[in-house]
PDB file of N, CA and C in Angstrom:
ATOM      1  N   MET A   1     -75.648   8.134 -16.931  1.00  0.00           N
ATOM      2  CA  MET A   1     -76.870   8.844 -16.586  1.00  0.00           C
ATOM      3  C   MET A   1     -76.782  10.274 -17.112  1.00  0.00           C
ATOM      4  N   LEU A   2     -77.859  10.722 -17.706  1.00  0.00           N
ATOM      5  CA  LEU A   2     -77.905  12.076 -18.241  1.00  0.00           C
ATOM      6  C   LEU A   2     -78.384  13.043 -17.161  1.00  0.00           C
ATOM      7  N   SER A   3     -77.760  14.217 -17.119  1.00  0.00           N
ATOM      8  CA  SER A   3     -78.225  15.228 -16.169  1.00  0.00           C
ATOM      9  C   SER A   3     -79.617  15.711 -16.592  1.00  0.00           C
ATOM     10  N   LYS A   4     -80.325  16.288 -15.650  1.00  0.00           N
ATOM     11  CA  LYS A   4     -81.676  16.794 -15.929  1.00  0.00           C
ATOM     12  C   LYS A   4     -81.647  17.842 -17.042  1.00  0.00           C
ATOM     13  N   ASN A   5     -80.683  18.755 -16.983  1.00  0.00           N
ATOM     14  CA  ASN A   5     -80.587  19.810 -17.995  1.00  0.00           C
ATOM     15  C   ASN A   5     -80.272  19.246 -19.372  1.00  0.00           C
ATOM     16  N   LEU A   6     -79.361  18.274 -19.426  1.00  0.00           N
ATOM     17  CA  LEU A   6     -79.010  17.673 -20.712  1.00  0.00           C
ATOM     18  C   LEU A   6     -80.189  16.894 -21.281  1.00  0.00           C
ATOM     19  N   LEU A   7     -80.882  16.147 -20.428  1.00  0.00           N
ATOM     20  CA  LEU A   7     -82.041  15.385 -20.892  1.00  0.00           C
ATOM     21  C   LEU A   7     -83.117  16.314 -21.448  1.00  0.00           C
ATOM     22  N   GLU A   8     -83.356  17.415 -20.764  1.00  0.00           N
ATOM     23  CA  GLU A   8     -84.349  18.387 -21.242  1.00  0.00           C
ATOM     24  C   GLU A   8     -83.929  18.967 -22.593  1.00  0.00           C
ATOM     25  N   ALA A   9     -82.657  19.313 -22.731  1.00  0.00           N
ATOM     26  CA  ALA A   9     -82.164  19.872 -23.994  1.00  0.00           C
ATOM     27  C   ALA A   9     -82.254  18.854 -25.125  1.00  0.00           C
ATOM     28  N   LEU A  10     -81.912  17.606 -24.845  1.00  0.00           N
ATOM     29  CA  LEU A  10     -81.992  16.565 -25.871  1.00  0.00           C
ATOM     30  C   LEU A  10     -83.441  16.307 -26.286  1.00  0.00           C
ATOM     31  N   ASN A  11     -84.347  16.249 -25.319  1.00  0.00           N
ATOM     32  CA  ASN A  11     -85.756  16.062 -25.654  1.00  0.00           C
ATOM     33  C   ASN A  11     -86.284  17.233 -26.476  1.00  0.00           C
ATOM     34  N   ASP A  12     -85.899  18.455 -26.108  1.00  0.00           N
ATOM     35  CA  ASP A  12     -86.314  19.624 -26.891  1.00  0.00           C
ATOM     36  C   ASP A  12     -85.803  19.526 -28.323  1.00  0.00           C
ATOM     37  N   GLN A  13     -84.530  19.182 -28.476  1.00  0.00           N
ATOM     38  CA  GLN A  13     -83.953  19.086 -29.819  1.00  0.00           C
ATOM     39  C   GLN A  13     -84.620  17.981 -30.627  1.00  0.00           C
ATOM     40  N   MET A  14     -84.875  16.836 -29.993  1.00  0.00           N
ATOM     41  CA  MET A  14     -85.550  15.745 -30.683  1.00  0.00           C
ATOM     42  C   MET A  14     -86.904  16.215 -31.216  1.00  0.00           C
ATOM     43  N   ASN A  15     -87.638  16.942 -30.403  1.00  0.00           N
ATOM     44  CA  ASN A  15     -88.949  17.423 -30.833  1.00  0.00           C
ATOM     45  C   ASN A  15     -88.838  18.477 -31.927  1.00  0.00           C
ATOM     46  N   HIS A  16     -87.797  19.303 -31.893  1.00  0.00           N
ATOM     47  CA  HIS A  16     -87.569  20.259 -32.987  1.00  0.00           C
ATOM     48  C   HIS A  16     -87.312  19.522 -34.298  1.00  0.00           C
ATOM     49  N   GLU A  17     -86.553  18.451 -34.228  1.00  0.00           N
ATOM     50  CA  GLU A  17     -86.253  17.664 -35.433  1.00  0.00           C
ATOM     51  C   GLU A  17     -87.539  17.082 -36.024  1.00  0.00           C
ATOM     52  N   TYR A  18     -88.393  16.528 -35.167  1.00  0.00           N
ATOM     53  CA  TYR A  18     -89.645  15.942 -35.663  1.00  0.00           C
ATOM     54  C   TYR A  18     -90.593  17.013 -36.197  1.00  0.00           C
ATOM     55  N   PHE A  19     -90.626  18.190 -35.570  1.00  0.00           N
ATOM     56  CA  PHE A  19     -91.476  19.259 -36.099  1.00  0.00           C
ATOM     57  C   PHE A  19     -90.945  19.742 -37.443  1.00  0.00           C
ATOM     58  N   ALA A  20     -89.623  19.835 -37.585  1.00  0.00           N
ATOM     59  CA  ALA A  20     -89.039  20.236 -38.866  1.00  0.00           C
ATOM     60  C   ALA A  20     -89.426  19.240 -39.953  1.00  0.00           C
ATOM     61  N   ALA A  21     -89.425  17.955 -39.625  1.00  0.00           N
ATOM     62  CA  ALA A  21     -89.845  16.938 -40.596  1.00  0.00           C
ATOM     63  C   ALA A  21     -91.289  17.178 -41.013  1.00  0.00           C
ATOM     64  N   HIS A  22     -92.141  17.506 -40.057  1.00  0.00           N
ATOM     65  CA  HIS A  22     -93.545  17.802 -40.342  1.00  0.00           C
ATOM     66  C   HIS A  22     -93.655  19.012 -41.279  1.00  0.00           C
ATOM     67  N   ALA A  23     -92.886  20.054 -41.000  1.00  0.00           N
ATOM     68  CA  ALA A  23     -92.922  21.255 -41.837  1.00  0.00           C
ATOM     69  C   ALA A  23     -92.435  20.952 -43.253  1.00  0.00           C
ATOM     70  N   TYR A  24     -91.360  20.181 -43.377  1.00  0.00           N
ATOM     71  CA  TYR A  24     -90.870  19.817 -44.708  1.00  0.00           C
ATOM     72  C   TYR A  24     -91.910  19.012 -45.484  1.00  0.00           C
ATOM     73  N   MET A  25     -92.650  18.144 -44.807  1.00  0.00           N
ATOM     74  CA  MET A  25     -93.690  17.381 -45.503  1.00  0.00           C
ATOM     75  C   MET A  25     -94.817  18.294 -45.963  1.00  0.00           C
ATOM     76  N   ALA A  26     -95.138  19.320 -45.186  1.00  0.00           N
ATOM     77  CA  ALA A  26     -96.147  20.289 -45.615  1.00  0.00           C
ATOM     78  C   ALA A  26     -95.663  21.034 -46.860  1.00  0.00           C
ATOM     79  N   MET A  27     -94.388  21.381 -46.892  1.00  0.00           N
ATOM     80  CA  MET A  27     -93.821  22.041 -48.072  1.00  0.00           C
ATOM     81  C   MET A  27     -93.855  21.113 -49.275  1.00  0.00           C
ATOM     82  N   ALA A  28     -93.536  19.851 -49.054  1.00  0.00           N
ATOM     83  CA  ALA A  28     -93.571  18.869 -50.145  1.00  0.00           C
ATOM     84  C   ALA A  28     -94.984  18.728 -50.689  1.00  0.00           C
ATOM     85  N   ALA A  29     -95.975  18.707 -49.805  1.00  0.00           N
ATOM     86  CA  ALA A  29     -97.366  18.576 -50.242  1.00  0.00           C
ATOM     87  C   ALA A  29     -97.771  19.759 -51.109  1.00  0.00           C
ATOM     88  N   TYR A  30     -97.363  20.958 -50.702  1.00  0.00           N
ATOM     89  CA  TYR A  30     -97.666  22.141 -51.512  1.00  0.00           C
ATOM     90  C   TYR A  30     -96.999  22.026 -52.881  1.00  0.00           C
ATOM     91  N   CYS A  31     -95.737  21.654 -52.894  1.00  0.00           N
ATOM     92  CA  CYS A  31     -95.011  21.544 -54.163  1.00  0.00           C
ATOM     93  C   CYS A  31     -95.623  20.472 -55.058  1.00  0.00           C
ATOM     94  N   ASP A  32     -96.041  19.365 -54.479  1.00  0.00           N
ATOM     95  CA  ASP A  32     -96.717  18.329 -55.267  1.00  0.00           C
ATOM     96  C   ASP A  32     -97.989  18.874 -55.895  1.00  0.00           C
ATOM     97  N   LYS A  33     -98.764  19.608 -55.111  1.00  0.00           N
ATOM     98  CA  LYS A  33    -100.021  20.177 -55.600  1.00  0.00           C
ATOM     99  C   LYS A  33     -99.777  21.127 -56.764  1.00  0.00           C
ATOM    100  N   GLU A  34     -98.679  21.859 -56.709  1.00  0.00           N
ATOM    101  CA  GLU A  34     -98.344  22.831 -57.753  1.00  0.00           C
ATOM    102  C   GLU A  34     -97.520  22.217 -58.884  1.00  0.00           C
ATOM    103  N   SER A  35     -97.313  20.916 -58.838  1.00  0.00           N
ATOM    104  CA  SER A  35     -96.542  20.168 -59.853  1.00  0.00           C
ATOM    105  C   SER A  35     -95.069  20.563 -59.895  1.00  0.00           C
ATOM    106  N   TYR A  36     -94.523  20.937 -58.746  1.00  0.00           N
ATOM    107  CA  TYR A  36     -93.087  21.203 -58.621  1.00  0.00           C
ATOM    108  C   TYR A  36     -92.434  19.926 -58.102  1.00  0.00           C
ATOM    109  N   GLU A  37     -92.347  18.927 -58.960  1.00  0.00           N
ATOM    110  CA  GLU A  37     -91.927  17.592 -58.531  1.00  0.00           C
ATOM    111  C   GLU A  37     -90.520  17.566 -57.949  1.00  0.00           C
ATOM    112  N   GLY A  38     -89.609  18.306 -58.545  1.00  0.00           N
ATOM    113  CA  GLY A  38     -88.238  18.338 -58.036  1.00  0.00           C
ATOM    114  C   GLY A  38     -88.166  18.918 -56.635  1.00  0.00           C
ATOM    115  N   PHE A  39     -88.893  20.021 -56.413  1.00  0.00           N
ATOM    116  CA  PHE A  39     -88.918  20.625 -55.082  1.00  0.00           C
ATOM    117  C   PHE A  39     -89.599  19.700 -54.080  1.00  0.00           C
ATOM    118  N   ALA A  40     -90.689  19.060 -54.505  1.00  0.00           N
ATOM    119  CA  ALA A  40     -91.394  18.133 -53.611  1.00  0.00           C
ATOM    120  C   ALA A  40     -90.449  17.023 -53.165  1.00  0.00           C
ATOM    121  N   ASN A  41     -89.712  16.461 -54.096  1.00  0.00           N
ATOM    122  CA  ASN A  41     -88.766  15.400 -53.749  1.00  0.00           C
ATOM    123  C   ASN A  41     -87.679  15.914 -52.800  1.00  0.00           C
ATOM    124  N   PHE A  42     -87.198  17.121 -53.050  1.00  0.00           N
ATOM    125  CA  PHE A  42     -86.190  17.718 -52.175  1.00  0.00           C
ATOM    126  C   PHE A  42     -86.714  17.809 -50.740  1.00  0.00           C
ATOM    127  N   PHE A  43     -87.933  18.327 -50.575  1.00  0.00           N
ATOM    128  CA  PHE A  43     -88.487  18.485 -49.235  1.00  0.00           C
ATOM    129  C   PHE A  43     -88.775  17.142 -48.572  1.00  0.00           C
ATOM    130  N   ILE A  44     -89.161  16.147 -49.353  1.00  0.00           N
ATOM    131  CA  ILE A  44     -89.365  14.807 -48.795  1.00  0.00           C
ATOM    132  C   ILE A  44     -88.043  14.257 -48.263  1.00  0.00           C
ATOM    133  N   GLN A  45     -86.971  14.471 -49.009  1.00  0.00           N
ATOM    134  CA  GLN A  45     -85.655  14.012 -48.550  1.00  0.00           C
ATOM    135  C   GLN A  45     -85.226  14.750 -47.280  1.00  0.00           C
ATOM    136  N   GLN A  46     -85.518  16.049 -47.218  1.00  0.00           N
ATOM    137  CA  GLN A  46     -85.183  16.812 -46.013  1.00  0.00           C
ATOM    138  C   GLN A  46     -85.970  16.292 -44.812  1.00  0.00           C
ATOM    139  N   ALA A  47     -87.245  15.958 -45.027  1.00  0.00           N
ATOM    140  CA  ALA A  47     -88.069  15.412 -43.943  1.00  0.00           C
ATOM    141  C   ALA A  47     -87.485  14.103 -43.432  1.00  0.00           C
ATOM    142  N   LYS A  48     -87.042  13.251 -44.352  1.00  0.00           N
ATOM    143  CA  LYS A  48     -86.425  11.980 -43.949  1.00  0.00           C
ATOM    144  C   LYS A  48     -85.189  12.231 -43.096  1.00  0.00           C
ATOM    145  N   GLU A  49     -84.393  13.221 -43.491  1.00  0.00           N
ATOM    146  CA  GLU A  49     -83.171  13.543 -42.745  1.00  0.00           C
ATOM    147  C   GLU A  49     -83.504  14.027 -41.331  1.00  0.00           C
ATOM    148  N   GLU A  50     -84.519  14.878 -41.218  1.00  0.00           N
ATOM    149  CA  GLU A  50     -84.907  15.379 -39.893  1.00  0.00           C
ATOM    150  C   GLU A  50     -85.435  14.252 -39.009  1.00  0.00           C
ATOM    151  N   ARG A  51     -86.222  13.334 -39.583  1.00  0.00           N
ATOM    152  CA  ARG A  51     -86.700  12.188 -38.807  1.00  0.00           C
ATOM    153  C   ARG A  51     -85.524  11.326 -38.352  1.00  0.00           C
ATOM    154  N   PHE A  52     -84.525  11.173 -39.224  1.00  0.00           N
ATOM    155  CA  PHE A  52     -83.320  10.413 -38.871  1.00  0.00           C
ATOM    156  C   PHE A  52     -82.612  11.067 -37.684  1.00  0.00           C
ATOM    157  N   HIS A  53     -82.478  12.399 -37.721  1.00  0.00           N
ATOM    158  CA  HIS A  53     -81.852  13.113 -36.601  1.00  0.00           C
ATOM    159  C   HIS A  53     -82.639  12.879 -35.317  1.00  0.00           C
ATOM    160  N   GLY A  54     -83.960  13.003 -35.402  1.00  0.00           N
ATOM    161  CA  GLY A  54     -84.799  12.780 -34.227  1.00  0.00           C
ATOM    162  C   GLY A  54     -84.638  11.378 -33.677  1.00  0.00           C
ATOM    163  N   GLN A  55     -84.565  10.395 -34.571  1.00  0.00           N
ATOM    164  CA  GLN A  55     -84.421   9.000 -34.145  1.00  0.00           C
ATOM    165  C   GLN A  55     -83.069   8.763 -33.474  1.00  0.00           C
ATOM    166  N   LYS A  56     -82.013   9.416 -33.968  1.00  0.00           N
ATOM    167  CA  LYS A  56     -80.692   9.265 -33.343  1.00  0.00           C
ATOM    168  C   LYS A  56     -80.699   9.810 -31.917  1.00  0.00           C
ATOM    169  N   ILE A  57     -81.345  10.954 -31.735  1.00  0.00           N
ATOM    170  CA  ILE A  57     -81.418  11.533 -30.393  1.00  0.00           C
ATOM    171  C   ILE A  57     -82.263  10.642 -29.486  1.00  0.00           C
ATOM    172  N   TYR A  58     -83.377  10.154 -30.011  1.00  0.00           N
ATOM    173  CA  TYR A  58     -84.244   9.227 -29.265  1.00  0.00           C
ATOM    174  C   TYR A  58     -83.440   8.018 -28.788  1.00  0.00           C
ATOM    175  N   ASN A  59     -82.706   7.405 -29.699  1.00  0.00           N
ATOM    176  CA  ASN A  59     -81.895   6.234 -29.351  1.00  0.00           C
ATOM    177  C   ASN A  59     -80.827   6.579 -28.315  1.00  0.00           C
ATOM    178  N   TYR A  60     -80.183   7.738 -28.472  1.00  0.00           N
ATOM    179  CA  TYR A  60     -79.139   8.161 -27.538  1.00  0.00           C
ATOM    180  C   TYR A  60     -79.707   8.270 -26.122  1.00  0.00           C
ATOM    181  N   ILE A  61     -80.869   8.914 -26.013  1.00  0.00           N
ATOM    182  CA  ILE A  61     -81.499   9.087 -24.702  1.00  0.00           C
ATOM    183  C   ILE A  61     -81.837   7.732 -24.086  1.00  0.00           C
ATOM    184  N   ASN A  62     -82.519   6.909 -24.853  1.00  0.00           N
ATOM    185  CA  ASN A  62     -82.969   5.617 -24.314  1.00  0.00           C
ATOM    186  C   ASN A  62     -81.817   4.661 -24.041  1.00  0.00           C
ATOM    187  N   ASP A  63     -80.770   4.718 -24.844  1.00  0.00           N
ATOM    188  CA  ASP A  63     -79.607   3.858 -24.621  1.00  0.00           C
ATOM    189  C   ASP A  63     -78.893   4.182 -23.312  1.00  0.00           C
ATOM    190  N   ARG A  64     -79.124   5.373 -22.790  1.00  0.00           N
ATOM    191  CA  ARG A  64     -78.497   5.773 -21.539  1.00  0.00           C
ATOM    192  C   ARG A  64     -79.443   5.633 -20.354  1.00  0.00           C
ATOM    193  N   GLY A  65     -80.533   4.913 -20.559  1.00  0.00           N
ATOM    194  CA  GLY A  65     -81.456   4.619 -19.470  1.00  0.00           C
ATOM    195  C   GLY A  65     -82.413   5.738 -19.118  1.00  0.00           C
ATOM    196  N   ALA A  66     -82.461   6.771 -19.928  1.00  0.00           N
ATOM    197  CA  ALA A  66     -83.388   7.875 -19.681  1.00  0.00           C
ATOM    198  C   ALA A  66     -84.636   7.666 -20.540  1.00  0.00           C
ATOM    199  N   HIS A  67     -85.535   8.617 -20.504  1.00  0.00           N
ATOM    200  CA  HIS A  67     -86.805   8.488 -21.215  1.00  0.00           C
ATOM    201  C   HIS A  67     -86.949   9.622 -22.229  1.00  0.00           C
ATOM    202  N   ALA A  68     -87.007   9.257 -23.499  1.00  0.00           N
ATOM    203  CA  ALA A  68     -87.258  10.246 -24.552  1.00  0.00           C
ATOM    204  C   ALA A  68     -88.730  10.620 -24.513  1.00  0.00           C
ATOM    205  N   GLU A  69     -89.010  11.917 -24.500  1.00  0.00           N
ATOM    206  CA  GLU A  69     -90.388  12.397 -24.412  1.00  0.00           C
ATOM    207  C   GLU A  69     -90.758  13.136 -25.684  1.00  0.00           C
ATOM    208  N   SER A  70     -91.727  12.585 -26.377  1.00  0.00           N
ATOM    209  CA  SER A  70     -92.212  13.199 -27.605  1.00  0.00           C
ATOM    210  C   SER A  70     -93.383  14.107 -27.272  1.00  0.00           C
ATOM    211  N   GLU A  71     -93.264  15.373 -27.648  1.00  0.00           N
ATOM    212  CA  GLU A  71     -94.335  16.331 -27.394  1.00  0.00           C
ATOM    213  C   GLU A  71     -95.388  16.227 -28.484  1.00  0.00           C
ATOM    214  N   GLN A  72     -96.608  16.529 -28.110  1.00  0.00           N
ATOM    215  CA  GLN A  72     -97.661  16.617 -29.113  1.00  0.00           C
ATOM    216  C   GLN A  72     -97.568  18.003 -29.732  1.00  0.00           C
ATOM    217  N   PHE A  73     -97.589  18.052 -31.063  1.00  0.00           N
ATOM    218  CA  PHE A  73     -97.541  19.344 -31.736  1.00  0.00           C
ATOM    219  C   PHE A  73     -98.868  20.060 -31.526  1.00  0.00           C
ATOM    220  N   GLN A  74     -98.787  21.356 -31.305  1.00  0.00           N
ATOM    221  CA  GLN A  74    -100.014  22.135 -31.323  1.00  0.00           C
ATOM    222  C   GLN A  74    -100.506  22.120 -32.757  1.00  0.00           C
ATOM    223  N   HIS A  75    -101.818  22.080 -32.925  1.00  0.00           N
ATOM    224  CA  HIS A  75    -102.361  22.019 -34.284  1.00  0.00           C
ATOM    225  C   HIS A  75    -101.973  23.292 -35.025  1.00  0.00           C
ATOM    226  N   GLN A  76    -101.141  23.130 -36.014  1.00  0.00           N
ATOM    227  CA  GLN A  76    -100.714  24.248 -36.847  1.00  0.00           C
ATOM    228  C   GLN A  76    -100.872  23.830 -38.290  1.00  0.00           C
ATOM    229  N   LYS A  77    -101.729  24.527 -39.000  1.00  0.00           N
ATOM    230  CA  LYS A  77    -101.877  24.240 -40.410  1.00  0.00           C
ATOM    231  C   LYS A  77    -100.817  25.056 -41.143  1.00  0.00           C
ATOM    232  N   LEU A  78     -99.895  24.357 -41.756  1.00  0.00           N
ATOM    233  CA  LEU A  78     -98.828  25.024 -42.493  1.00  0.00           C
ATOM    234  C   LEU A  78     -99.282  25.180 -43.936  1.00  0.00           C
ATOM    235  N   THR A  79     -99.384  26.413 -44.387  1.00  0.00           N
ATOM    236  CA  THR A  79     -99.827  26.666 -45.759  1.00  0.00           C
ATOM    237  C   THR A  79     -98.786  27.509 -46.475  1.00  0.00           C
ATOM    238  N   PHE A  80     -98.778  27.373 -47.775  1.00  0.00           N
ATOM    239  CA  PHE A  80     -97.800  28.073 -48.602  1.00  0.00           C
ATOM    240  C   PHE A  80     -98.504  28.596 -49.838  1.00  0.00           C
ATOM    241  N   GLN A  81     -97.923  29.610 -50.453  1.00  0.00           N
ATOM    242  CA  GLN A  81     -98.486  30.136 -51.687  1.00  0.00           C
ATOM    243  C   GLN A  81     -97.369  30.570 -52.615  1.00  0.00           C
ATOM    244  N   ALA A  82     -97.661  30.522 -53.897  1.00  0.00           N
ATOM    245  CA  ALA A  82     -96.688  30.976 -54.892  1.00  0.00           C
ATOM    246  C   ALA A  82     -96.761  32.495 -54.995  1.00  0.00           C
ATOM    247  N   TYR A  83     -95.662  33.088 -55.363  1.00  0.00           N
ATOM    248  CA  TYR A  83     -95.640  34.540 -55.544  1.00  0.00           C
ATOM    249  C   TYR A  83     -95.645  34.886 -56.995  1.00  0.00           C
TER     250      TYR A  83
END
């Protein structure tokens, strides 16, 4: 059984991982639009890694009989520009 504090910390971290994946996909979309194919691929791979981290934490929580809680992201439009 996970303590309340540990469960809260794990759920927070899981949600950070999923938000990071979202941010990396926004970066990839910008790079694709600007024809920076190598950078776009890099960010897509980073997003996959963050989703993998989130899934591992999700599985860890649920395997111990607790409940993984996914937060809804506040609507944030992530935009980027070239310098």
